[in-house]
């Protein structure tokens, strides 16, 4: 049976991932940045790894310029705790409304695999973030005939 600290840690880690999705959708970039350690490593968004939270944040801000809005729906979450470290797997469905094509929507199905660390302040943050793509689809709303 899990103890109260384990339950609190699991809830805090899951909250980081919910904050990740809701912050990027609301374009609250300071809140989004707070999800990561300064030296985070990010993979799965391009050909190589991005190193550091500031570099990753700059990438995300630029990428968001392409979208009129986004919605990240977080699903099943699995947390493996190891003291002040943990691994979290979070299923995500991310909908992206394309700015230059108002009738086009891109939907991504993926898993976030995150290595988490508890900081000196007691807060959990992502120290390695990986996007594992499951599939994507671009749809265009067709006017009725």
C-alpha atoms as a PDB file:
ATOM      1  CA  UNK A   1       0.000   0.000   0.000  1.00  0.00           C
ATOM      2  CA  UNK A   2       1.480   3.376  -0.965  1.00  0.00           C
ATOM      3  CA  UNK A   3       2.253   5.814   1.819  1.00  0.00           C
ATOM      4  CA  UNK A   4       1.051   9.421   1.860  1.00  0.00           C
ATOM      5  CA  UNK A   5       4.362  10.798   0.505  1.00  0.00           C
ATOM      6  CA  UNK A   6       4.251   8.436  -2.461  1.00  0.00           C
ATOM      7  CA  UNK A   7       0.669   9.451  -3.228  1.00  0.00           C
ATOM      8  CA  UNK A   8       1.591  13.148  -2.923  1.00  0.00           C
ATOM      9  CA  UNK A   9       4.598  12.662  -5.245  1.00  0.00           C
ATOM     10  CA  UNK A  10       2.498  10.850  -7.846  1.00  0.00           C
ATOM     11  CA  UNK A  11      -0.118  13.615  -7.786  1.00  0.00           C
ATOM     12  CA  UNK A  12       2.559  16.319  -8.050  1.00  0.00           C
ATOM     13  CA  UNK A  13       4.200  14.610 -11.047  1.00  0.00           C
ATOM     14  CA  UNK A  14       0.850  14.192 -12.799  1.00  0.00           C
ATOM     15  CA  UNK A  15       0.133  17.877 -12.077  1.00  0.00           C
ATOM     16  CA  UNK A  16       3.375  18.856 -13.842  1.00  0.00           C
ATOM     17  CA  UNK A  17       2.126  17.155 -17.000  1.00  0.00           C
ATOM     18  CA  UNK A  18      -1.311  18.779 -16.764  1.00  0.00           C
ATOM     19  CA  UNK A  19       0.405  22.167 -16.253  1.00  0.00           C
ATOM     20  CA  UNK A  20       2.554  21.398 -19.318  1.00  0.00           C
ATOM     21  CA  UNK A  21      -0.517  20.972 -21.535  1.00  0.00           C
ATOM     22  CA  UNK A  22      -2.706  23.718 -20.114  1.00  0.00           C
ATOM     23  CA  UNK A  23       0.137  26.255 -20.065  1.00  0.00           C
ATOM     24  CA  UNK A  24       1.122  25.773 -23.685  1.00  0.00           C
ATOM     25  CA  UNK A  25      -2.537  25.916 -24.766  1.00  0.00           C
ATOM     26  CA  UNK A  26      -3.088  29.153 -22.812  1.00  0.00           C
ATOM     27  CA  UNK A  27       0.247  30.526 -24.093  1.00  0.00           C
ATOM     28  CA  UNK A  28       1.349  31.053 -20.468  1.00  0.00           C
ATOM     29  CA  UNK A  29       5.011  30.580 -21.261  1.00  0.00           C
ATOM     30  CA  UNK A  30       6.428  31.413 -17.809  1.00  0.00           C
ATOM     31  CA  UNK A  31       4.145  28.767 -16.319  1.00  0.00           C
ATOM     32  CA  UNK A  32       5.142  26.345 -19.113  1.00  0.00           C
ATOM     33  CA  UNK A  33       8.852  27.026 -18.475  1.00  0.00           C
ATOM     34  CA  UNK A  34       8.338  26.170 -14.781  1.00  0.00           C
ATOM     35  CA  UNK A  35       7.701  22.534 -15.781  1.00  0.00           C
ATOM     36  CA  UNK A  36      11.370  21.989 -16.716  1.00  0.00           C
ATOM     37  CA  UNK A  37      14.775  21.871 -15.097  1.00  0.00           C
ATOM     38  CA  UNK A  38      17.204  24.431 -16.511  1.00  0.00           C
ATOM     39  CA  UNK A  39      19.240  21.653 -18.163  1.00  0.00           C
ATOM     40  CA  UNK A  40      16.322  19.672 -19.629  1.00  0.00           C
ATOM     41  CA  UNK A  41      17.026  17.524 -22.672  1.00  0.00           C
ATOM     42  CA  UNK A  42      14.170  17.309 -25.208  1.00  0.00           C
ATOM     43  CA  UNK A  43      13.939  14.678 -27.959  1.00  0.00           C
ATOM     44  CA  UNK A  44      11.390  13.665 -30.568  1.00  0.00           C
ATOM     45  CA  UNK A  45      10.566  17.126 -31.943  1.00  0.00           C
ATOM     46  CA  UNK A  46      13.184  17.167 -34.679  1.00  0.00           C
ATOM     47  CA  UNK A  47      16.334  15.472 -35.873  1.00  0.00           C
ATOM     48  CA  UNK A  48      18.354  15.998 -32.700  1.00  0.00           C
ATOM     49  CA  UNK A  49      18.029  16.738 -29.022  1.00  0.00           C
ATOM     50  CA  UNK A  50      17.402  20.250 -27.731  1.00  0.00           C
ATOM     51  CA  UNK A  51      19.431  21.033 -24.650  1.00  0.00           C
ATOM     52  CA  UNK A  52      18.287  23.487 -21.992  1.00  0.00           C
ATOM     53  CA  UNK A  53      14.912  24.890 -21.023  1.00  0.00           C
ATOM     54  CA  UNK A  54      15.518  28.294 -22.608  1.00  0.00           C
ATOM     55  CA  UNK A  55      16.415  26.769 -25.994  1.00  0.00           C
ATOM     56  CA  UNK A  56      13.364  24.503 -25.869  1.00  0.00           C
ATOM     57  CA  UNK A  57      11.092  27.377 -24.841  1.00  0.00           C
ATOM     58  CA  UNK A  58      12.336  29.471 -27.793  1.00  0.00           C
ATOM     59  CA  UNK A  59      11.566  26.534 -30.115  1.00  0.00           C
ATOM     60  CA  UNK A  60       8.029  26.152 -28.703  1.00  0.00           C
ATOM     61  CA  UNK A  61       7.276  29.892 -28.931  1.00  0.00           C
ATOM     62  CA  UNK A  62       8.359  29.914 -32.582  1.00  0.00           C
ATOM     63  CA  UNK A  63       6.395  26.740 -33.386  1.00  0.00           C
ATOM     64  CA  UNK A  64       3.228  28.166 -31.817  1.00  0.00           C
ATOM     65  CA  UNK A  65       3.310  31.017 -34.359  1.00  0.00           C
ATOM     66  CA  UNK A  66       1.874  28.512 -36.861  1.00  0.00           C
ATOM     67  CA  UNK A  67      -1.264  27.829 -34.840  1.00  0.00           C
ATOM     68  CA  UNK A  68      -4.354  29.875 -34.045  1.00  0.00           C
ATOM     69  CA  UNK A  69      -4.836  27.598 -31.046  1.00  0.00           C
ATOM     70  CA  UNK A  70      -3.945  24.222 -29.596  1.00  0.00           C
ATOM     71  CA  UNK A  71      -5.531  21.762 -27.198  1.00  0.00           C
ATOM     72  CA  UNK A  72      -3.505  19.080 -25.424  1.00  0.00           C
ATOM     73  CA  UNK A  73      -5.663  16.374 -23.871  1.00  0.00           C
ATOM     74  CA  UNK A  74      -3.720  14.243 -21.402  1.00  0.00           C
ATOM     75  CA  UNK A  75      -4.884  10.693 -20.891  1.00  0.00           C
ATOM     76  CA  UNK A  76      -3.497   7.677 -19.094  1.00  0.00           C
ATOM     77  CA  UNK A  77      -0.540   8.435 -16.854  1.00  0.00           C
ATOM     78  CA  UNK A  78       1.887   5.940 -15.359  1.00  0.00           C
ATOM     79  CA  UNK A  79       4.440   7.077 -12.769  1.00  0.00           C
ATOM     80  CA  UNK A  80       7.447   5.042 -11.609  1.00  0.00           C
ATOM     81  CA  UNK A  81       8.915   6.647  -8.473  1.00  0.00           C
ATOM     82  CA  UNK A  82      12.551   6.194  -7.413  1.00  0.00           C
ATOM     83  CA  UNK A  83      13.140   8.529  -4.475  1.00  0.00           C
ATOM     84  CA  UNK A  84      13.802  12.025  -5.881  1.00  0.00           C
ATOM     85  CA  UNK A  85      13.607  10.755  -9.472  1.00  0.00           C
ATOM     86  CA  UNK A  86      10.720   9.332 -11.464  1.00  0.00           C
ATOM     87  CA  UNK A  87       9.621   8.333 -14.939  1.00  0.00           C
ATOM     88  CA  UNK A  88       6.204   9.441 -16.169  1.00  0.00           C
ATOM     89  CA  UNK A  89       4.436   8.192 -19.286  1.00  0.00           C
ATOM     90  CA  UNK A  90       1.503  10.355 -20.364  1.00  0.00           C
ATOM     91  CA  UNK A  91      -0.733   9.682 -23.348  1.00  0.00           C
ATOM     92  CA  UNK A  92      -1.606  12.845 -25.284  1.00  0.00           C
ATOM     93  CA  UNK A  93      -3.919  13.872 -28.084  1.00  0.00           C
ATOM     94  CA  UNK A  94      -2.895  17.315 -29.302  1.00  0.00           C
ATOM     95  CA  UNK A  95      -5.114  19.270 -31.670  1.00  0.00           C
ATOM     96  CA  UNK A  96      -3.534  22.154 -33.594  1.00  0.00           C
ATOM     97  CA  UNK A  97      -5.638  24.736 -35.408  1.00  0.00           C
ATOM     98  CA  UNK A  98      -3.584  26.019 -38.339  1.00  0.00           C
ATOM     99  CA  UNK A  99      -3.315  29.810 -38.473  1.00  0.00           C
ATOM    100  CA  UNK A 100      -2.908  30.118 -42.252  1.00  0.00           C
ATOM    101  CA  UNK A 101      -5.619  27.555 -43.002  1.00  0.00           C
ATOM    102  CA  UNK A 102      -8.613  28.267 -40.731  1.00  0.00           C
ATOM    103  CA  UNK A 103     -10.459  25.149 -41.914  1.00  0.00           C
ATOM    104  CA  UNK A 104      -7.490  22.813 -41.340  1.00  0.00           C
ATOM    105  CA  UNK A 105      -6.788  20.918 -38.147  1.00  0.00           C
ATOM    106  CA  UNK A 106      -3.767  18.779 -37.343  1.00  0.00           C
ATOM    107  CA  UNK A 107      -4.188  16.124 -34.659  1.00  0.00           C
ATOM    108  CA  UNK A 108      -1.261  14.301 -33.070  1.00  0.00           C
ATOM    109  CA  UNK A 109      -1.490  11.134 -30.998  1.00  0.00           C
ATOM    110  CA  UNK A 110       1.585  10.507 -28.898  1.00  0.00           C
ATOM    111  CA  UNK A 111       3.131   9.500 -25.600  1.00  0.00           C
ATOM    112  CA  UNK A 112       5.256  11.819 -23.500  1.00  0.00           C
ATOM    113  CA  UNK A 113       8.023   9.905 -21.736  1.00  0.00           C
ATOM    114  CA  UNK A 114       9.466  12.136 -19.050  1.00  0.00           C
ATOM    115  CA  UNK A 115      12.304  11.726 -16.603  1.00  0.00           C
ATOM    116  CA  UNK A 116      11.388  13.825 -13.587  1.00  0.00           C
ATOM    117  CA  UNK A 117      13.505  15.186 -10.757  1.00  0.00           C
ATOM    118  CA  UNK A 118      12.570  16.670  -7.410  1.00  0.00           C
ATOM    119  CA  UNK A 119      14.423  19.962  -6.992  1.00  0.00           C
ATOM    120  CA  UNK A 120      15.986  21.395  -3.858  1.00  0.00           C
ATOM    121  CA  UNK A 121      12.748  23.366  -3.426  1.00  0.00           C
ATOM    122  CA  UNK A 122      10.762  20.102  -3.293  1.00  0.00           C
ATOM    123  CA  UNK A 123       9.065  20.732  -6.660  1.00  0.00           C
ATOM    124  CA  UNK A 124       9.011  18.100  -9.403  1.00  0.00           C
ATOM    125  CA  UNK A 125      10.264  19.152 -12.864  1.00  0.00           C
ATOM    126  CA  UNK A 126      10.945  17.468 -16.190  1.00  0.00           C
ATOM    127  CA  UNK A 127      14.680  16.843 -16.793  1.00  0.00           C
ATOM    128  CA  UNK A 128      14.262  14.772 -19.967  1.00  0.00           C
ATOM    129  CA  UNK A 129      11.223  15.107 -22.215  1.00  0.00           C
ATOM    130  CA  UNK A 130      10.592  12.733 -25.107  1.00  0.00           C
ATOM    131  CA  UNK A 131       7.772  12.827 -27.633  1.00  0.00           C
ATOM    132  CA  UNK A 132       6.957   9.354 -28.983  1.00  0.00           C
ATOM    133  CA  UNK A 133       4.663   9.827 -31.959  1.00  0.00           C
ATOM    134  CA  UNK A 134       1.853   7.327 -32.512  1.00  0.00           C
ATOM    135  CA  UNK A 135       0.220   9.007 -35.493  1.00  0.00           C
ATOM    136  CA  UNK A 136      -0.958  12.293 -36.932  1.00  0.00           C
ATOM    137  CA  UNK A 137      -3.760  13.410 -39.188  1.00  0.00           C
ATOM    138  CA  UNK A 138      -4.505  16.645 -41.005  1.00  0.00           C
ATOM    139  CA  UNK A 139      -8.176  17.236 -41.711  1.00  0.00           C
ATOM    140  CA  UNK A 140      -9.910  20.017 -43.590  1.00  0.00           C
ATOM    141  CA  UNK A 141     -13.489  20.999 -42.817  1.00  0.00           C
ATOM    142  CA  UNK A 142     -15.461  20.766 -46.049  1.00  0.00           C
ATOM    143  CA  UNK A 143     -18.458  23.068 -46.463  1.00  0.00           C
ATOM    144  CA  UNK A 144     -21.782  21.239 -46.924  1.00  0.00           C
ATOM    145  CA  UNK A 145     -22.671  20.451 -50.520  1.00  0.00           C
END
